[in-house]
N, C-alpha and C. Protein backbone atom coordinates (compact mmCIF):
# COMPACT_ATOMS: atom_id res chain seq x y z
N UNK A 1 49.94 -102.51 -74.73
CA UNK A 1 50.47 -102.43 -76.07
C UNK A 1 51.12 -103.77 -76.39
N UNK A 2 50.64 -104.41 -77.44
CA UNK A 2 51.20 -105.69 -77.86
C UNK A 2 50.82 -105.98 -79.30
N UNK A 3 51.74 -106.54 -80.03
CA UNK A 3 51.49 -106.96 -81.42
C UNK A 3 50.94 -105.83 -82.28
N UNK A 4 51.45 -104.62 -82.09
CA UNK A 4 51.03 -103.49 -82.92
C UNK A 4 49.66 -102.94 -82.59
N UNK A 5 49.12 -103.29 -81.41
CA UNK A 5 47.79 -102.83 -81.01
C UNK A 5 47.87 -102.27 -79.59
N UNK A 6 47.21 -101.14 -79.36
CA UNK A 6 47.09 -100.58 -78.02
C UNK A 6 45.65 -100.79 -77.56
N UNK A 7 45.47 -101.25 -76.33
CA UNK A 7 44.13 -101.51 -75.78
C UNK A 7 43.96 -100.70 -74.52
N UNK A 8 42.71 -100.29 -74.26
CA UNK A 8 42.43 -99.52 -73.06
C UNK A 8 40.97 -99.57 -72.69
N UNK A 9 40.66 -98.95 -71.56
CA UNK A 9 39.29 -98.90 -71.07
C UNK A 9 38.93 -97.44 -70.81
N UNK A 10 37.73 -97.05 -71.19
CA UNK A 10 37.26 -95.69 -70.95
C UNK A 10 35.99 -95.78 -70.11
N UNK A 11 36.03 -95.17 -68.92
CA UNK A 11 34.87 -95.15 -68.03
C UNK A 11 34.07 -93.89 -68.27
N UNK A 12 32.82 -94.03 -68.65
CA UNK A 12 31.93 -92.90 -68.85
C UNK A 12 30.93 -92.83 -67.71
N UNK A 13 29.99 -91.90 -67.80
CA UNK A 13 28.99 -91.75 -66.75
C UNK A 13 28.04 -92.94 -66.68
N UNK A 14 27.72 -93.52 -67.84
CA UNK A 14 26.74 -94.60 -67.84
C UNK A 14 27.26 -95.89 -68.44
N UNK A 15 28.51 -95.91 -68.89
CA UNK A 15 29.03 -97.13 -69.52
C UNK A 15 30.55 -97.17 -69.42
N UNK A 16 31.09 -98.35 -69.56
CA UNK A 16 32.53 -98.55 -69.65
C UNK A 16 32.81 -99.15 -71.02
N UNK A 17 33.73 -98.54 -71.75
CA UNK A 17 34.04 -98.99 -73.09
C UNK A 17 35.42 -99.64 -73.12
N UNK A 18 35.54 -100.75 -73.81
CA UNK A 18 36.82 -101.39 -74.07
C UNK A 18 37.24 -100.95 -75.47
N UNK A 19 38.40 -100.34 -75.60
CA UNK A 19 38.84 -99.79 -76.87
C UNK A 19 40.15 -100.41 -77.30
N UNK A 20 40.38 -100.43 -78.62
CA UNK A 20 41.69 -100.83 -79.13
C UNK A 20 41.93 -100.10 -80.43
N UNK A 21 43.20 -99.86 -80.72
CA UNK A 21 43.59 -99.17 -81.95
C UNK A 21 44.91 -99.74 -82.42
N UNK A 22 45.07 -99.80 -83.73
CA UNK A 22 46.35 -100.26 -84.26
C UNK A 22 47.36 -99.12 -84.18
N UNK A 23 48.61 -99.47 -84.04
CA UNK A 23 49.67 -98.47 -83.94
C UNK A 23 50.09 -98.02 -85.32
N UNK A 24 50.46 -96.79 -85.54
CA UNK A 24 50.59 -95.73 -84.54
C UNK A 24 49.22 -95.19 -84.14
N UNK A 25 49.11 -94.72 -82.91
CA UNK A 25 47.85 -94.20 -82.39
C UNK A 25 48.12 -93.03 -81.47
N UNK A 26 47.17 -92.12 -81.40
CA UNK A 26 47.22 -91.01 -80.45
C UNK A 26 46.28 -91.36 -79.32
N UNK A 27 46.79 -91.35 -78.09
CA UNK A 27 46.01 -91.76 -76.92
C UNK A 27 46.11 -90.67 -75.87
N UNK A 28 44.99 -90.34 -75.25
CA UNK A 28 45.02 -89.40 -74.12
C UNK A 28 44.55 -90.14 -72.87
N UNK A 29 44.99 -89.67 -71.72
CA UNK A 29 44.64 -90.31 -70.46
C UNK A 29 44.13 -89.26 -69.49
N UNK A 30 43.49 -89.72 -68.42
CA UNK A 30 42.96 -88.82 -67.40
C UNK A 30 43.79 -88.93 -66.13
N UNK A 31 43.38 -88.19 -65.12
CA UNK A 31 44.08 -88.24 -63.84
C UNK A 31 43.94 -89.60 -63.17
N UNK A 32 43.01 -90.43 -63.62
CA UNK A 32 42.83 -91.74 -63.02
C UNK A 32 43.84 -92.75 -63.55
N UNK A 33 44.67 -92.35 -64.47
CA UNK A 33 45.59 -93.30 -65.10
C UNK A 33 46.91 -93.45 -64.35
N UNK A 34 47.16 -92.65 -63.38
CA UNK A 34 48.42 -92.76 -62.65
C UNK A 34 48.61 -91.60 -61.69
N UNK A 35 49.82 -91.44 -61.25
CA UNK A 35 50.18 -90.40 -60.29
C UNK A 35 50.10 -89.02 -60.94
N UNK A 36 49.33 -88.14 -60.35
CA UNK A 36 49.19 -86.78 -60.90
C UNK A 36 50.44 -85.96 -60.60
N UNK A 37 50.85 -85.16 -61.56
CA UNK A 37 51.98 -84.24 -61.37
C UNK A 37 51.41 -82.83 -61.44
N UNK A 38 51.56 -82.09 -60.37
CA UNK A 38 50.99 -80.75 -60.29
C UNK A 38 52.04 -79.72 -60.66
N UNK A 39 51.67 -78.74 -61.49
CA UNK A 39 52.65 -77.72 -61.88
C UNK A 39 52.89 -76.75 -60.73
N UNK A 40 54.07 -76.16 -60.73
CA UNK A 40 54.38 -75.14 -59.74
C UNK A 40 53.70 -73.83 -60.16
N UNK A 41 53.65 -72.88 -59.25
CA UNK A 41 53.07 -71.58 -59.57
C UNK A 41 53.85 -70.93 -60.71
N UNK A 42 55.16 -71.07 -60.67
CA UNK A 42 56.01 -70.52 -61.73
C UNK A 42 55.67 -71.15 -63.08
N UNK A 43 55.44 -72.46 -63.09
CA UNK A 43 55.08 -73.16 -64.31
C UNK A 43 53.73 -72.72 -64.86
N UNK A 44 52.77 -72.48 -63.96
CA UNK A 44 51.44 -72.01 -64.38
C UNK A 44 51.55 -70.64 -65.02
N UNK A 45 52.30 -69.74 -64.40
CA UNK A 45 52.45 -68.39 -64.94
C UNK A 45 53.18 -68.42 -66.29
N UNK A 46 54.18 -69.29 -66.43
CA UNK A 46 54.90 -69.40 -67.70
C UNK A 46 53.99 -69.94 -68.79
N UNK A 47 53.11 -70.87 -68.45
CA UNK A 47 52.20 -71.45 -69.43
C UNK A 47 51.21 -70.42 -69.95
N UNK A 48 50.81 -69.48 -69.10
CA UNK A 48 49.87 -68.45 -69.53
C UNK A 48 50.46 -67.55 -70.60
N UNK A 49 51.78 -67.42 -70.61
CA UNK A 49 52.45 -66.53 -71.56
C UNK A 49 52.76 -67.22 -72.89
N UNK A 50 52.69 -68.54 -72.93
CA UNK A 50 53.04 -69.27 -74.14
C UNK A 50 51.91 -69.16 -75.16
N UNK A 51 52.26 -69.01 -76.44
CA UNK A 51 51.22 -68.94 -77.47
C UNK A 51 50.60 -70.32 -77.71
N UNK A 52 49.34 -70.31 -78.10
CA UNK A 52 48.64 -71.54 -78.45
C UNK A 52 48.51 -71.58 -79.96
N UNK A 53 49.06 -72.62 -80.56
CA UNK A 53 48.99 -72.76 -82.01
C UNK A 53 47.74 -73.54 -82.41
N UNK A 54 47.08 -73.08 -83.46
CA UNK A 54 45.94 -73.80 -84.02
C UNK A 54 46.27 -74.18 -85.45
N UNK A 55 45.94 -75.40 -85.81
CA UNK A 55 46.19 -75.88 -87.17
C UNK A 55 44.87 -76.29 -87.78
N UNK A 56 44.76 -76.12 -89.08
CA UNK A 56 43.61 -76.66 -89.79
C UNK A 56 44.10 -77.78 -90.71
N UNK A 57 43.19 -78.39 -91.43
CA UNK A 57 43.56 -79.53 -92.26
C UNK A 57 44.61 -79.19 -93.31
N UNK A 58 44.53 -77.99 -93.87
CA UNK A 58 45.51 -77.62 -94.90
C UNK A 58 46.91 -77.48 -94.30
N UNK A 59 47.01 -77.02 -93.05
CA UNK A 59 48.32 -76.93 -92.39
C UNK A 59 48.94 -78.32 -92.21
N UNK A 60 48.10 -79.31 -92.04
CA UNK A 60 48.57 -80.68 -91.81
C UNK A 60 48.62 -81.50 -93.09
N UNK A 61 48.29 -80.86 -94.21
CA UNK A 61 48.28 -81.52 -95.52
C UNK A 61 47.38 -82.76 -95.51
N UNK A 62 46.15 -82.57 -94.97
CA UNK A 62 45.17 -83.65 -94.90
C UNK A 62 43.95 -83.24 -95.72
N UNK A 63 43.48 -84.15 -96.55
CA UNK A 63 42.31 -83.91 -97.38
C UNK A 63 41.04 -84.03 -96.53
N UNK A 64 40.06 -83.17 -96.79
CA UNK A 64 38.80 -83.20 -96.04
C UNK A 64 38.10 -84.54 -96.14
N UNK A 65 38.28 -85.24 -97.25
CA UNK A 65 37.61 -86.52 -97.46
C UNK A 65 38.21 -87.64 -96.61
N UNK A 66 39.33 -87.38 -95.93
CA UNK A 66 39.98 -88.40 -95.12
C UNK A 66 39.58 -88.35 -93.65
N UNK A 67 38.78 -87.35 -93.27
CA UNK A 67 38.43 -87.19 -91.86
C UNK A 67 36.91 -87.14 -91.70
N UNK A 68 36.46 -87.14 -90.47
CA UNK A 68 35.03 -87.04 -90.19
C UNK A 68 34.44 -88.40 -89.84
N UNK A 69 33.18 -88.39 -89.49
CA UNK A 69 32.49 -89.60 -89.04
C UNK A 69 32.52 -90.71 -90.09
N UNK A 70 32.33 -90.34 -91.35
CA UNK A 70 32.30 -91.36 -92.41
C UNK A 70 33.63 -92.08 -92.57
N UNK A 71 34.71 -91.44 -92.18
CA UNK A 71 36.04 -92.02 -92.36
C UNK A 71 36.70 -92.40 -91.05
N UNK A 72 35.94 -92.48 -89.98
CA UNK A 72 36.50 -92.83 -88.68
C UNK A 72 36.96 -94.28 -88.67
N UNK A 73 38.03 -94.54 -87.96
CA UNK A 73 38.57 -95.90 -87.86
C UNK A 73 38.06 -96.62 -86.62
N UNK A 74 37.06 -96.06 -85.96
CA UNK A 74 36.56 -96.68 -84.74
C UNK A 74 35.15 -97.22 -84.97
N UNK A 75 34.83 -98.30 -84.28
CA UNK A 75 33.52 -98.91 -84.36
C UNK A 75 33.12 -99.32 -82.94
N UNK A 76 31.91 -98.97 -82.53
CA UNK A 76 31.42 -99.41 -81.22
C UNK A 76 30.87 -100.81 -81.40
N UNK A 77 31.52 -101.78 -80.78
CA UNK A 77 31.09 -103.17 -80.90
C UNK A 77 30.07 -103.54 -79.84
N UNK A 78 30.19 -102.95 -78.65
CA UNK A 78 29.22 -103.22 -77.61
C UNK A 78 29.29 -102.11 -76.57
N UNK A 79 28.19 -101.93 -75.86
CA UNK A 79 28.11 -100.94 -74.79
C UNK A 79 27.19 -101.50 -73.71
N UNK A 80 27.49 -101.20 -72.47
CA UNK A 80 26.67 -101.68 -71.36
C UNK A 80 26.51 -100.57 -70.35
N UNK A 81 25.32 -100.49 -69.75
CA UNK A 81 25.07 -99.48 -68.73
C UNK A 81 25.78 -99.87 -67.44
N UNK A 82 26.20 -98.83 -66.72
CA UNK A 82 26.75 -99.08 -65.39
C UNK A 82 25.61 -99.40 -64.44
N UNK A 83 25.86 -100.23 -63.44
CA UNK A 83 24.80 -100.48 -62.46
C UNK A 83 24.51 -99.22 -61.65
N UNK A 84 23.26 -99.07 -61.25
CA UNK A 84 22.87 -97.89 -60.47
C UNK A 84 23.58 -97.91 -59.12
N UNK A 85 23.91 -96.72 -58.64
CA UNK A 85 24.54 -96.62 -57.32
C UNK A 85 23.52 -96.93 -56.24
N UNK A 86 24.00 -97.57 -55.19
CA UNK A 86 23.12 -97.85 -54.06
C UNK A 86 23.09 -96.63 -53.14
N UNK A 87 22.01 -96.51 -52.41
CA UNK A 87 21.86 -95.39 -51.49
C UNK A 87 22.85 -95.52 -50.34
N UNK A 88 23.40 -94.41 -49.90
CA UNK A 88 24.33 -94.40 -48.79
C UNK A 88 23.60 -94.43 -47.45
N UNK A 89 24.36 -94.42 -46.38
CA UNK A 89 23.80 -94.41 -45.04
C UNK A 89 23.85 -93.00 -44.49
N UNK A 90 22.72 -92.53 -43.99
CA UNK A 90 22.64 -91.20 -43.40
C UNK A 90 22.64 -91.37 -41.88
N UNK A 91 23.55 -90.66 -41.23
CA UNK A 91 23.65 -90.73 -39.77
C UNK A 91 23.24 -89.37 -39.22
N UNK A 92 22.20 -89.36 -38.40
CA UNK A 92 21.80 -88.13 -37.72
C UNK A 92 22.56 -88.08 -36.40
N UNK A 93 23.30 -86.99 -36.22
CA UNK A 93 24.14 -86.87 -35.03
C UNK A 93 23.32 -86.35 -33.86
N UNK A 94 22.99 -87.26 -32.98
CA UNK A 94 22.28 -86.90 -31.75
C UNK A 94 23.17 -87.24 -30.56
N UNK A 95 24.48 -86.95 -30.74
CA UNK A 95 25.44 -87.21 -29.68
C UNK A 95 26.25 -88.47 -29.91
N UNK A 96 25.81 -89.34 -30.80
CA UNK A 96 26.49 -90.61 -31.07
C UNK A 96 27.02 -90.68 -32.50
N UNK A 97 26.98 -89.58 -33.24
CA UNK A 97 27.40 -89.58 -34.65
C UNK A 97 28.84 -89.99 -34.85
N UNK A 98 29.73 -89.48 -34.00
CA UNK A 98 31.14 -89.82 -34.11
C UNK A 98 31.39 -91.30 -33.89
N UNK A 99 30.70 -91.86 -32.90
CA UNK A 99 30.84 -93.28 -32.60
C UNK A 99 30.32 -94.12 -33.76
N UNK A 100 29.15 -93.72 -34.31
CA UNK A 100 28.58 -94.46 -35.44
C UNK A 100 29.50 -94.39 -36.66
N UNK A 101 30.09 -93.22 -36.89
CA UNK A 101 31.01 -93.07 -38.01
C UNK A 101 32.24 -93.96 -37.83
N UNK A 102 32.79 -93.97 -36.62
CA UNK A 102 33.95 -94.81 -36.34
C UNK A 102 33.61 -96.29 -36.53
N UNK A 103 32.43 -96.71 -36.09
CA UNK A 103 32.01 -98.11 -36.26
C UNK A 103 31.86 -98.45 -37.74
N UNK A 104 31.28 -97.52 -38.50
CA UNK A 104 31.12 -97.75 -39.94
C UNK A 104 32.47 -97.88 -40.63
N UNK A 105 33.39 -96.96 -40.32
CA UNK A 105 34.72 -97.00 -40.94
C UNK A 105 35.47 -98.27 -40.55
N UNK A 106 35.33 -98.68 -39.30
CA UNK A 106 35.97 -99.92 -38.86
C UNK A 106 35.36 -101.12 -39.57
N UNK A 107 34.04 -101.11 -39.74
CA UNK A 107 33.35 -102.19 -40.44
C UNK A 107 33.78 -102.30 -41.90
N UNK A 108 34.13 -101.17 -42.51
CA UNK A 108 34.61 -101.16 -43.90
C UNK A 108 36.12 -101.35 -43.98
N UNK A 109 36.76 -101.52 -42.83
CA UNK A 109 38.21 -101.73 -42.71
C UNK A 109 39.02 -100.54 -43.21
N UNK A 110 38.44 -99.33 -43.00
CA UNK A 110 39.19 -98.11 -43.30
C UNK A 110 40.06 -97.72 -42.12
N UNK A 111 39.65 -98.12 -40.92
CA UNK A 111 40.46 -97.84 -39.73
C UNK A 111 40.60 -99.12 -38.92
């Protein structure tokens, strides 16, 4: 967020999009954006009992002509495909599978 603009990146299945919006803006994030906070069982049960409110355009005092694809404030400037994933390594365990796995993990500096 800088100079009245929020910028972000959205990773899709086949492309990564660079996005920006002028403030004020409504932004949602995924679990990949930071540390996940998990609700307690008590919190889950309490959430099930809470009512869900639905609003339509008239509740928000918004004219139909101000929304929809024709009035969207977003424009796709560019899009690029993600590179194809490379094939993984298959290890057939004929008594040496554990050793091969350990060597692979050590080679990748996981252990």
